[in-house]
């Protein structure tokens, strides 16, 4: 499992392994004001972030203008990413409040 935060997210966002054909990860997006958070799971991080930023995905993120990637964590399996995402939705990641 690999963890990245905002400070290093874009540094690693263009490394090929981050957006390989299938790399499960949990990601967290926020409004510019950081007042609203969204947590999701995807196997194509860069593509999914692009969809959110361009407003191509209808729903919560488009409705509330949530576009900023603030955190992501890569996993070996989609199952582990889904389990992690359900645990991080309450605002706690690795015991630290986000």
Protein backbone atom coordinates (compact mmCIF):
# COMPACT_ATOMS: atom_id res chain seq x y z
CA UNK A 1 0.00 0.00 0.00
CA UNK A 2 1.32 3.44 -0.94
CA UNK A 3 0.09 6.69 0.61
CA UNK A 4 0.40 10.14 -0.91
CA UNK A 5 -0.79 13.51 0.35
CA UNK A 6 -1.44 16.82 -1.37
CA UNK A 7 2.13 18.07 -1.16
CA UNK A 8 3.40 15.10 -3.18
CA UNK A 9 0.26 14.13 -5.13
CA UNK A 10 1.07 15.99 -8.31
CA UNK A 11 4.74 15.08 -8.13
CA UNK A 12 3.71 11.43 -8.41
CA UNK A 13 0.60 11.96 -10.54
CA UNK A 14 2.62 11.79 -13.73
CA UNK A 15 4.60 8.67 -12.85
CA UNK A 16 3.32 5.95 -15.23
CA UNK A 17 2.70 3.42 -12.46
CA UNK A 18 0.14 5.73 -10.83
CA UNK A 19 -2.19 5.53 -13.82
CA UNK A 20 -1.34 2.10 -15.16
CA UNK A 21 -4.07 -0.02 -16.71
CA UNK A 22 -5.28 -1.20 -13.32
CA UNK A 23 -4.05 0.29 -10.04
CA UNK A 24 -6.75 0.43 -7.35
CA UNK A 25 -6.63 3.47 -5.12
CA UNK A 26 -8.69 5.47 -2.68
CA UNK A 27 -8.82 9.20 -3.37
CA UNK A 28 -10.14 12.23 -1.57
CA UNK A 29 -11.25 15.43 -3.24
CA UNK A 30 -12.23 18.75 -1.68
CA UNK A 31 -13.75 22.07 -2.61
CA UNK A 32 -11.31 24.93 -2.98
CA UNK A 33 -12.37 26.08 0.48
CA UNK A 34 -11.87 22.53 1.88
CA UNK A 35 -15.35 22.81 3.37
CA UNK A 36 -16.69 19.68 1.61
CA UNK A 37 -14.90 16.35 1.07
CA UNK A 38 -15.54 13.43 -1.26
CA UNK A 39 -13.92 10.01 -0.91
CA UNK A 40 -13.94 7.48 -3.74
CA UNK A 41 -12.29 4.38 -5.18
CA UNK A 42 -11.00 3.97 -8.72
CA UNK A 43 -8.56 1.90 -10.71
CA UNK A 44 -7.66 4.81 -13.03
CA UNK A 45 -6.77 7.77 -10.81
CA UNK A 46 -5.77 10.35 -13.42
CA UNK A 47 -8.77 9.62 -15.60
CA UNK A 48 -11.15 9.82 -12.66
CA UNK A 49 -9.67 13.09 -11.40
CA UNK A 50 -9.97 14.52 -14.92
CA UNK A 51 -13.66 13.54 -15.00
CA UNK A 52 -14.29 15.31 -11.70
CA UNK A 53 -12.34 18.45 -12.62
CA UNK A 54 -14.08 18.83 -15.97
CA UNK A 55 -17.54 18.21 -14.51
CA UNK A 56 -18.07 15.08 -16.61
CA UNK A 57 -19.43 13.11 -13.65
CA UNK A 58 -22.96 13.98 -12.56
CA UNK A 59 -23.68 13.84 -8.89
CA UNK A 60 -22.18 14.98 -5.59
CA UNK A 61 -18.83 16.30 -6.82
CA UNK A 62 -20.34 18.29 -9.70
CA UNK A 63 -23.18 19.64 -7.55
CA UNK A 64 -20.81 20.93 -4.85
CA UNK A 65 -17.87 21.94 -7.09
CA UNK A 66 -15.47 19.39 -5.58
CA UNK A 67 -12.42 19.23 -7.85
CA UNK A 68 -9.20 19.41 -5.83
CA UNK A 69 -7.27 16.20 -5.19
CA UNK A 70 -6.04 16.40 -1.59
CA UNK A 71 -5.05 12.78 -0.86
CA UNK A 72 -4.78 9.35 -2.44
CA UNK A 73 -3.58 5.91 -1.43
CA UNK A 74 -2.71 3.08 -3.80
CA UNK A 75 -3.61 -0.56 -3.08
CA UNK A 76 -2.73 -3.98 -4.40
CA UNK A 77 -6.37 -5.07 -4.83
CA UNK A 78 -9.69 -3.35 -5.43
CA UNK A 79 -11.12 -5.18 -2.43
CA UNK A 80 -8.54 -3.64 -0.08
CA UNK A 81 -9.17 -0.19 -1.62
CA UNK A 82 -12.93 -0.53 -1.08
CA UNK A 83 -12.43 -1.64 2.52
CA UNK A 84 -10.08 1.30 3.10
CA UNK A 85 -12.48 3.78 1.46
CA UNK A 86 -15.35 2.69 3.67
CA UNK A 87 -13.11 3.26 6.70
CA UNK A 88 -11.84 6.65 5.51
CA UNK A 89 -15.29 8.05 4.80
CA UNK A 90 -15.70 8.89 8.48
CA UNK A 91 -12.84 11.39 8.22
CA UNK A 92 -10.10 9.27 9.78
CA UNK A 93 -7.15 7.87 7.84
CA UNK A 94 -4.49 5.90 9.71
CA UNK A 95 -5.86 7.28 12.98
CA UNK A 96 -5.31 10.89 11.89
CA UNK A 97 -8.21 13.24 11.36
CA UNK A 98 -8.26 14.62 7.85
